[in-house]
Amino acid sequence: LGTIPSQLGNLKSLRQIFLLGALFSGTIPTTIGQLTNCDTFRINNMRGTPDQSRRLTGQIPTEVGKMTHLSFFQIRDQKITGTIPSELVILTRLTYLEFSNNLLSGTIPT
C-alpha cells in the first residue's frame, strides 16, 4: 500500500520490477527512466480488487524511453490516462507490451 517511491530510480543495477497484486496509488515516478538496466517492468493489481482508489493514476512517463534494455513492459488494471508515449518506439529490445484495463486514449505509436 502507498506510492511507488521516486528513489526507485536510484537502483541503477535493478533488472526486473514485479509489483504484482500490489495496491499502489499515485503516479509512476519519472525516475524510472534511470533504470537503464531494467529489462522487465510489471505492475498490476489483483483482478477483482474492490478498492478502486488503490490504482496508479496519471500518465506513463516519457522517461520510459531511456530504459534501453526493456523487453517486457506491463501496466495492467490501473487508472493510467493519456496516450502511449512515442518514446517507446526507440526501445529496440521491447518484445512484450500490455496496458490492458487502463484509461488510455489515442493511437499506438509506430
C-alpha atoms as a PDB file:
ATOM      1  CA  LEU A   1       0.000   0.000   0.000  1.00  0.00           C
ATOM      2  CA  GLY A   2       1.162   3.523  -0.728  1.00  0.00           C
ATOM      3  CA  THR A   3       3.000   5.110  -3.609  1.00  0.00           C
ATOM      4  CA  ILE A   4       5.927   3.989  -5.729  1.00  0.00           C
ATOM      5  CA  PRO A   5       8.882   5.926  -4.301  1.00  0.00           C
ATOM      6  CA  SER A   6      10.866   8.134  -6.662  1.00  0.00           C
ATOM      7  CA  GLN A   7      14.016   6.659  -5.082  1.00  0.00           C
ATOM      8  CA  LEU A   8      13.328   3.526  -7.123  1.00  0.00           C
ATOM      9  CA  GLY A   9      15.305   5.239  -9.875  1.00  0.00           C
ATOM     10  CA  ASN A  10      18.416   5.100  -7.685  1.00  0.00           C
ATOM     11  CA  LEU A  11      18.574   1.303  -8.040  1.00  0.00           C
ATOM     12  CA  LYS A  12      20.522   1.511 -11.291  1.00  0.00           C
ATOM     13  CA  SER A  13      21.515  -2.181 -11.309  1.00  0.00           C
ATOM     14  CA  LEU A  14      17.914  -3.352 -10.963  1.00  0.00           C
ATOM     15  CA  ARG A  15      16.996  -5.676 -13.819  1.00  0.00           C
ATOM     16  CA  GLN A  16      13.417  -6.651 -13.020  1.00  0.00           C
ATOM     17  CA  ILE A  17      10.494  -4.962 -11.304  1.00  0.00           C
ATOM     18  CA  PHE A  18       7.481  -7.069 -10.377  1.00  0.00           C
ATOM     19  CA  LEU A  19       4.748  -5.241  -8.473  1.00  0.00           C
ATOM     20  CA  LEU A  20       2.088  -7.906  -8.853  1.00  0.00           C
ATOM     21  CA  GLY A  21      -1.021  -7.751  -6.721  1.00  0.00           C
ATOM     22  CA  ALA A  22       0.278  -4.581  -5.132  1.00  0.00           C
ATOM     23  CA  LEU A  23      -2.202  -1.852  -4.304  1.00  0.00           C
ATOM     24  CA  PHE A  24      -0.370   1.355  -5.158  1.00  0.00           C
ATOM     25  CA  SER A  25      -1.831   4.794  -5.604  1.00  0.00           C
ATOM     26  CA  GLY A  26      -0.325   7.959  -7.070  1.00  0.00           C
ATOM     27  CA  THR A  27       1.704   8.170 -10.256  1.00  0.00           C
ATOM     28  CA  ILE A  28       4.582   6.275 -11.816  1.00  0.00           C
ATOM     29  CA  PRO A  29       7.690   8.299 -10.919  1.00  0.00           C
ATOM     30  CA  THR A  30       9.635   9.813 -13.805  1.00  0.00           C
ATOM     31  CA  THR A  31      12.790   8.433 -12.199  1.00  0.00           C
ATOM     32  CA  ILE A  32      12.030   5.019 -13.748  1.00  0.00           C
ATOM     33  CA  GLY A  33      13.924   6.380 -16.748  1.00  0.00           C
ATOM     34  CA  GLN A  34      17.104   5.990 -14.685  1.00  0.00           C
ATOM     35  CA  LEU A  35      16.621   2.205 -14.644  1.00  0.00           C
ATOM     36  CA  THR A  36      18.565   1.688 -17.852  1.00  0.00           C
ATOM     37  CA  ASN A  37      19.483  -1.929 -16.969  1.00  0.00           C
ATOM     38  CA  CYS A  38      15.881  -2.958 -16.278  1.00  0.00           C
ATOM     39  CA  ASP A  39      14.541  -5.499 -18.783  1.00  0.00           C
ATOM     40  CA  THR A  40      11.197  -6.316 -17.118  1.00  0.00           C
ATOM     41  CA  PHE A  41       8.711  -3.831 -15.658  1.00  0.00           C
ATOM     42  CA  ARG A  42       5.381  -5.271 -14.469  1.00  0.00           C
ATOM     43  CA  ILE A  43       2.689  -3.589 -12.417  1.00  0.00           C
ATOM     44  CA  ASN A  44      -0.775  -4.991 -11.950  1.00  0.00           C
ATOM     45  CA  ASN A  45      -3.392  -5.217  -9.237  1.00  0.00           C
ATOM     46  CA  MET A  46      -5.192  -8.353  -8.300  1.00  0.00           C
ATOM     47  CA  ARG A  47      -8.222  -8.669 -10.523  1.00  0.00           C
ATOM     48  CA  GLY A  48     -11.448  -8.138  -8.669  1.00  0.00           C
ATOM     49  CA  THR A  49      -9.888  -5.932  -6.007  1.00  0.00           C
ATOM     50  CA  PRO A  50     -12.834  -3.822  -4.858  1.00  0.00           C
ATOM     51  CA  ASP A  51     -10.792  -0.826  -3.683  1.00  0.00           C
ATOM     52  CA  GLN A  52     -10.669   1.237  -6.882  1.00  0.00           C
ATOM     53  CA  SER A  53      -8.829   4.041  -5.077  1.00  0.00           C
ATOM     54  CA  ARG A  54      -5.726   1.849  -4.899  1.00  0.00           C
ATOM     55  CA  ARG A  55      -4.758   2.256  -8.524  1.00  0.00           C
ATOM     56  CA  LEU A  56      -1.977   4.188 -10.207  1.00  0.00           C
ATOM     57  CA  THR A  57      -3.108   7.335 -11.986  1.00  0.00           C
ATOM     58  CA  GLY A  58      -1.554   9.873 -14.318  1.00  0.00           C
ATOM     59  CA  GLN A  59       0.347   9.190 -17.493  1.00  0.00           C
ATOM     60  CA  ILE A  60       3.089   6.780 -18.495  1.00  0.00           C
ATOM     61  CA  PRO A  61       6.246   8.877 -18.084  1.00  0.00           C
ATOM     62  CA  THR A  62       8.045   9.682 -21.337  1.00  0.00           C
ATOM     63  CA  GLU A  63      11.273   8.847 -19.475  1.00  0.00           C
ATOM     64  CA  VAL A  64      10.450   5.178 -20.072  1.00  0.00           C
ATOM     65  CA  GLY A  65      12.187   5.717 -23.420  1.00  0.00           C
ATOM     66  CA  LYS A  66      15.500   5.806 -21.540  1.00  0.00           C
ATOM     67  CA  MET A  67      15.030   2.212 -20.318  1.00  0.00           C
ATOM     68  CA  THR A  68      17.058   0.867 -23.225  1.00  0.00           C
ATOM     69  CA  HIS A  69      17.194  -2.764 -22.002  1.00  0.00           C
ATOM     70  CA  LEU A  70      13.436  -3.029 -21.525  1.00  0.00           C
ATOM     71  CA  SER A  71      11.949  -6.089 -23.231  1.00  0.00           C
ATOM     72  CA  PHE A  72       8.780  -6.680 -21.147  1.00  0.00           C
ATOM     73  CA  PHE A  73       6.582  -3.716 -20.156  1.00  0.00           C
ATOM     74  CA  GLN A  74       3.227  -4.265 -18.480  1.00  0.00           C
ATOM     75  CA  ILE A  75       0.977  -1.838 -16.615  1.00  0.00           C
ATOM     76  CA  ARG A  76      -2.365  -3.577 -16.123  1.00  0.00           C
ATOM     77  CA  ASP A  77      -5.522  -2.935 -14.097  1.00  0.00           C
ATOM     78  CA  GLN A  78      -4.693   0.663 -13.180  1.00  0.00           C
ATOM     79  CA  LYS A  79      -6.163   4.091 -13.951  1.00  0.00           C
ATOM     80  CA  ILE A  80      -3.402   5.297 -16.253  1.00  0.00           C
ATOM     81  CA  THR A  81      -4.603   8.063 -18.599  1.00  0.00           C
ATOM     82  CA  GLY A  82      -3.289   9.947 -21.604  1.00  0.00           C
ATOM     83  CA  THR A  83      -1.561   8.436 -24.587  1.00  0.00           C
ATOM     84  CA  ILE A  84       1.092   5.776 -25.012  1.00  0.00           C
ATOM     85  CA  PRO A  85       4.411   7.669 -25.142  1.00  0.00           C
ATOM     86  CA  SER A  86       6.015   7.813 -28.578  1.00  0.00           C
ATOM     87  CA  GLU A  87       9.373   7.243 -26.830  1.00  0.00           C
ATOM     88  CA  LEU A  88       8.516   3.522 -26.679  1.00  0.00           C
ATOM     89  CA  VAL A  89       9.383   3.132 -30.356  1.00  0.00           C
ATOM     90  CA  ILE A  90      13.088   3.639 -29.625  1.00  0.00           C
ATOM     91  CA  LEU A  91      13.137   0.612 -27.293  1.00  0.00           C
ATOM     92  CA  THR A  92      14.514  -1.894 -29.793  1.00  0.00           C
ATOM     93  CA  ARG A  93      14.533  -4.776 -27.282  1.00  0.00           C
ATOM     94  CA  LEU A  94      10.848  -4.414 -26.402  1.00  0.00           C
ATOM     95  CA  THR A  95       9.003  -7.644 -27.262  1.00  0.00           C
ATOM     96  CA  TYR A  96       6.003  -7.538 -24.883  1.00  0.00           C
ATOM     97  CA  LEU A  97       3.775  -4.545 -24.220  1.00  0.00           C
ATOM     98  CA  GLU A  98       0.483  -4.586 -22.283  1.00  0.00           C
ATOM     99  CA  PHE A  99      -1.628  -1.741 -20.939  1.00  0.00           C
ATOM    100  CA  SER A 100      -4.961  -3.542 -20.532  1.00  0.00           C
ATOM    101  CA  ASN A 101      -7.672  -2.234 -18.199  1.00  0.00           C
ATOM    102  CA  ASN A 102      -6.435   1.356 -18.098  1.00  0.00           C
ATOM    103  CA  LEU A 103      -7.924   4.622 -19.348  1.00  0.00           C
ATOM    104  CA  LEU A 104      -5.547   5.300 -22.254  1.00  0.00           C
ATOM    105  CA  SER A 105      -6.580   7.123 -25.409  1.00  0.00           C
ATOM    106  CA  GLY A 106      -5.098   7.830 -28.814  1.00  0.00           C
ATOM    107  CA  THR A 107      -3.138   5.590 -31.117  1.00  0.00           C
ATOM    108  CA  ILE A 108      -0.261   3.164 -30.671  1.00  0.00           C
ATOM    109  CA  PRO A 109       2.995   4.872 -31.695  1.00  0.00           C
ATOM    110  CA  THR A 110       4.830   3.447 -34.689  1.00  0.00           C
END
